[in-house]
Structure formats: structure tokens, C-alpha cells
Amino acid sequence: MQAIEAIKLIVGLGEPLTGRLLYFDALKMTFREFAVRRDPHCPVCGDSPTITEPIDYEAFCQARGAAPAQTIPAISVQDLKEKLQDNKVLVLDVREPFEHDIARIEGSLLVPLGELSSHINEIPRDKEIVVMCKSGTRSAKATEFLRQQGVQNVYNLEGGINAWAEKIDPEMARY
């Protein structure tokens, strides 16, 4: 029904639900319609809108995830590259398997974030660990979790696989 409403608005046909709310009760299989008054203070459609265009979703999500990363030990992709050459580090990839299939750092250990707590005993504690994800948000959470579990030598990869592809391996697939 939402798709049909969008099409009606785009092509200018029919009577859209503008100013009305359609309520569906699945248990009773009934519909009700309510009139909705326009809010003159609405930040999107009010008299003085402050939201006039869509936000940059990727930047918004990274900005929200970046705050905790300031207190979490982090490592740059350049530093990780050097450590990998000396074979002094384990890269723990907390992305999902389909993401790992698209792009990965060779030799990384894949343990999706949602499964990390059940695989905590498989994480070696005698090696430096760099946790990575797509952009650094999930890996920051994983790094924080590992530190809470007593894993001390663990770092978040700043910018994740996106930064690796941009600065280290431009031939790597991006998604």
C-alpha cells in the first residue's frame, strides 16, 4: 500500500492519503481512517522547514559510530599493513560471511559480530588482534566487547575494509 501511495504521488493520479492516516488492524482485518492535521512546526513540511534534503546516510551512521571509537584503541590501515608483513597480528573480521566473500584481507579470521560472544574462546590471547568490519563501527563494538572480556592487545581498524580498499588495495572490490 505504501508503494501504491508513492506511485499515486509521483504520477499525480488518484486520491493520495495526504492529511489522512490509514490504520489496519490485522487481528480484526479492519481498516480505519483518521484525519491528521498539518503541524506548522514540523521540521520537514512546516512553515519554516529545517530539513530540506535527505541526509548522507553513510556519513550519518559513521558519525554516530565514530564517537565510541575515540575511547577504543585503534590502528590505521597503514600500520596494519606493516604489522601484517611482519606476521605479528591477527585480523579478526566481524562482518557477515557474504561481506567476507566480496572483499577480505588474506588470512583474516571471520567471526561475525553476532556470533562473537559464543566464539570468544577461539580468539587467541597471545597475539595482537586488529578487529575490522566495513567502516569501523561494528569492529569498535567488537573491540570494546573483547576488552571487557579481558583481551588486552586488541585494536579497532580505523575505517575498516573501506579504508583498506581506498588506501592500501585500490583493486579490492568495494560494496
Protein backbone atom coordinates (compact mmCIF):
# COMPACT_ATOMS: atom_id res chain seq x y z
CA MET A 1 0.00 0.00 0.00
CA GLN A 2 2.89 2.36 0.68
CA ALA A 3 4.30 1.69 -2.79
CA ILE A 4 0.92 2.43 -4.36
CA GLU A 5 0.71 5.71 -2.41
CA ALA A 6 4.20 6.67 -3.66
CA ILE A 7 3.21 5.90 -7.26
CA LYS A 8 0.00 7.92 -6.91
CA LEU A 9 2.01 10.91 -5.65
CA ILE A 10 4.67 10.59 -8.38
CA VAL A 11 2.27 10.29 -11.31
CA GLY A 12 -0.37 12.59 -9.85
CA LEU A 13 -3.26 10.15 -10.18
CA GLY A 14 -5.92 9.06 -7.73
CA GLU A 15 -6.58 10.40 -4.26
CA PRO A 16 -3.46 10.12 -2.07
CA LEU A 17 -3.70 9.77 1.71
CA THR A 18 -2.34 13.28 2.22
CA GLY A 19 -3.69 14.57 5.52
CA ARG A 20 -5.07 11.16 6.44
CA LEU A 21 -3.72 8.10 8.25
CA LEU A 22 -4.88 4.63 7.29
CA TYR A 23 -4.90 2.21 10.23
CA PHE A 24 -5.00 -1.55 9.64
CA ASP A 25 -5.89 -3.98 12.43
CA ALA A 26 -4.60 -7.38 11.29
CA LEU A 27 -6.29 -9.25 14.14
CA LYS A 28 -9.75 -7.98 13.18
CA MET A 29 -8.96 -7.49 9.48
CA THR A 30 -10.36 -3.96 9.60
CA PHE A 31 -9.24 -0.59 8.28
CA ARG A 32 -9.87 2.83 9.84
CA GLU A 33 -9.04 6.26 8.55
CA PHE A 34 -8.02 9.22 10.69
CA ALA A 35 -7.63 12.85 9.70
CA VAL A 36 -4.19 14.25 10.53
CA ARG A 37 -3.69 18.00 10.91
CA ARG A 38 -0.64 19.65 9.42
CA ASP A 39 1.89 20.67 12.08
CA PRO A 40 3.13 24.20 11.31
CA HIS A 41 6.28 23.43 13.39
CA CYS A 42 7.16 20.22 11.51
CA PRO A 43 10.88 20.31 10.53
CA VAL A 44 10.05 18.79 7.11
CA CYS A 45 6.75 20.28 5.97
CA GLY A 46 6.07 23.10 8.47
CA ASP A 47 6.02 26.82 7.86
CA SER A 48 9.82 27.09 8.33
CA PRO A 49 11.32 23.69 7.44
CA THR A 50 14.81 22.92 8.74
CA ILE A 51 15.12 19.55 6.96
CA THR A 52 15.12 20.29 3.25
CA GLU A 53 17.01 17.36 1.74
CA PRO A 54 17.87 13.74 2.57
CA ILE A 55 20.84 13.14 4.87
CA ASP A 56 24.03 11.38 3.80
CA TYR A 57 23.15 8.02 5.39
CA GLU A 58 26.68 6.57 5.29
CA ALA A 59 28.23 9.66 6.85
CA PHE A 60 25.45 9.83 9.46
CA CYS A 61 25.99 6.21 10.53
CA GLN A 62 29.76 6.59 10.65
CA ALA A 63 29.49 9.78 12.66
CA ARG A 64 27.31 8.01 15.24
CA GLY A 65 29.72 5.09 15.38
CA ALA A 66 32.80 7.31 15.50
CA ALA A 67 32.19 8.65 18.99
CA PRO A 68 32.93 5.42 20.88
CA ALA A 69 35.95 4.74 18.67
CA GLN A 70 37.73 7.72 20.26
CA THR A 71 38.00 5.82 23.55
CA ILE A 72 38.73 2.48 21.91
CA PRO A 73 42.32 1.74 20.88
CA ALA A 74 42.60 1.98 17.11
CA ILE A 75 45.12 1.32 14.38
CA SER A 76 45.41 2.78 10.88
CA VAL A 77 45.38 0.67 7.74
CA GLN A 78 48.98 1.71 7.04
CA ASP A 79 50.11 0.44 10.45
CA LEU A 80 48.18 -2.80 9.93
CA LYS A 81 49.88 -3.34 6.58
CA GLU A 82 53.30 -3.10 8.26
CA LYS A 83 52.29 -5.48 11.04
CA LEU A 84 50.94 -7.99 8.52
CA GLN A 85 54.29 -8.02 6.70
CA ASP A 86 55.98 -8.95 9.97
CA ASN A 87 53.26 -11.55 10.72
CA LYS A 88 52.74 -10.02 14.15
CA VAL A 89 48.99 -9.60 14.13
CA LEU A 90 45.71 -11.47 13.73
CA VAL A 91 42.97 -9.70 11.77
CA LEU A 92 39.55 -10.53 13.22
CA ASP A 93 36.82 -9.82 10.68
CA VAL A 94 33.43 -9.27 12.35
CA ARG A 95 31.45 -8.77 9.14
CA GLU A 96 28.92 -11.25 7.77
CA PRO A 97 30.07 -14.13 5.53
CA PHE A 98 28.60 -12.56 2.38
CA GLU A 99 30.66 -9.42 3.02
CA HIS A 100 33.79 -11.51 3.61
CA ASP A 101 33.15 -13.20 0.25
CA ILE A 102 33.13 -9.81 -1.52
CA ALA A 103 36.36 -8.43 -0.06
CA ARG A 104 38.77 -9.58 2.64
CA ILE A 105 42.25 -9.24 3.99
CA GLU A 106 44.03 -12.52 3.37
CA GLY A 107 44.50 -14.63 6.47
CA SER A 108 41.78 -12.85 8.45
CA LEU A 109 39.64 -14.84 10.88
CA LEU A 110 35.92 -14.44 10.20
CA VAL A 111 33.69 -14.34 13.28
CA PRO A 112 30.52 -12.27 12.65
CA LEU A 113 29.76 -9.75 15.39
CA GLY A 114 26.54 -11.53 16.34
CA GLU A 115 28.48 -14.75 16.97
CA LEU A 116 31.47 -13.24 18.75
CA SER A 117 30.31 -14.00 22.29
CA SER A 118 29.83 -17.69 21.50
CA HIS A 119 33.29 -17.92 19.87
CA ILE A 120 35.22 -15.94 22.48
CA ASN A 121 37.33 -18.97 23.44
CA GLU A 122 38.56 -19.30 19.85
CA ILE A 123 40.17 -15.85 19.94
CA PRO A 124 43.90 -16.21 20.64
CA ARG A 125 45.12 -14.08 23.53
CA ASP A 126 48.83 -14.41 22.85
CA LYS A 127 48.72 -12.35 19.63
CA GLU A 128 47.94 -8.74 18.83
CA ILE A 129 44.43 -8.55 17.37
CA VAL A 130 43.08 -5.98 14.94
CA VAL A 131 39.29 -6.09 14.58
CA MET A 132 37.78 -4.97 11.29
CA CYS A 133 34.40 -4.53 9.64
CA LYS A 134 33.20 -2.46 6.68
CA SER A 135 33.66 1.02 8.14
CA GLY A 136 34.85 0.67 11.74
CA THR A 137 31.55 0.82 13.61
CA ARG A 138 30.88 -2.89 14.23
CA SER A 139 34.57 -3.52 14.86
CA ALA A 140 34.59 -0.76 17.50
CA LYS A 141 31.78 -2.59 19.30
CA ALA A 142 33.66 -5.88 18.98
CA THR A 143 36.89 -4.32 20.24
CA GLU A 144 35.10 -2.91 23.25
CA PHE A 145 33.45 -6.29 23.93
CA LEU A 146 36.78 -8.16 23.68
CA ARG A 147 38.44 -5.72 26.06
CA GLN A 148 35.59 -6.24 28.53
CA GLN A 149 36.26 -9.99 28.26
CA GLY A 150 39.89 -9.48 29.24
CA VAL A 151 41.51 -9.44 25.80
CA GLN A 152 44.07 -6.65 26.21
CA ASN A 153 46.07 -6.46 22.98
CA VAL A 154 43.11 -5.64 20.70
CA TYR A 155 42.62 -2.66 18.34
CA ASN A 156 39.93 -1.36 16.04
CA LEU A 157 40.86 -0.88 12.37
CA GLU A 158 40.07 2.75 11.56
CA GLY A 159 37.79 2.97 8.55
CA GLY A 160 37.54 -0.81 8.17
CA ILE A 161 37.81 -2.61 4.85
CA ASN A 162 36.65 0.59 3.11
CA ALA A 163 39.82 2.38 4.25
CA TRP A 164 41.94 -0.66 3.34
CA ALA A 165 40.50 -0.67 -0.19
CA GLU A 166 40.94 3.08 -0.54
CA LYS A 167 44.47 3.45 0.84
CA ILE A 168 46.16 0.05 0.57
CA ASP A 169 44.49 -2.07 -2.13
CA PRO A 170 42.62 0.04 -4.70
CA GLU A 171 41.95 -3.11 -6.77
CA MET A 172 39.85 -4.60 -3.94
CA ALA A 173 36.11 -4.89 -4.58
CA ARG A 174 34.00 -2.35 -2.76
CA TYR A 175 30.42 -2.67 -1.64
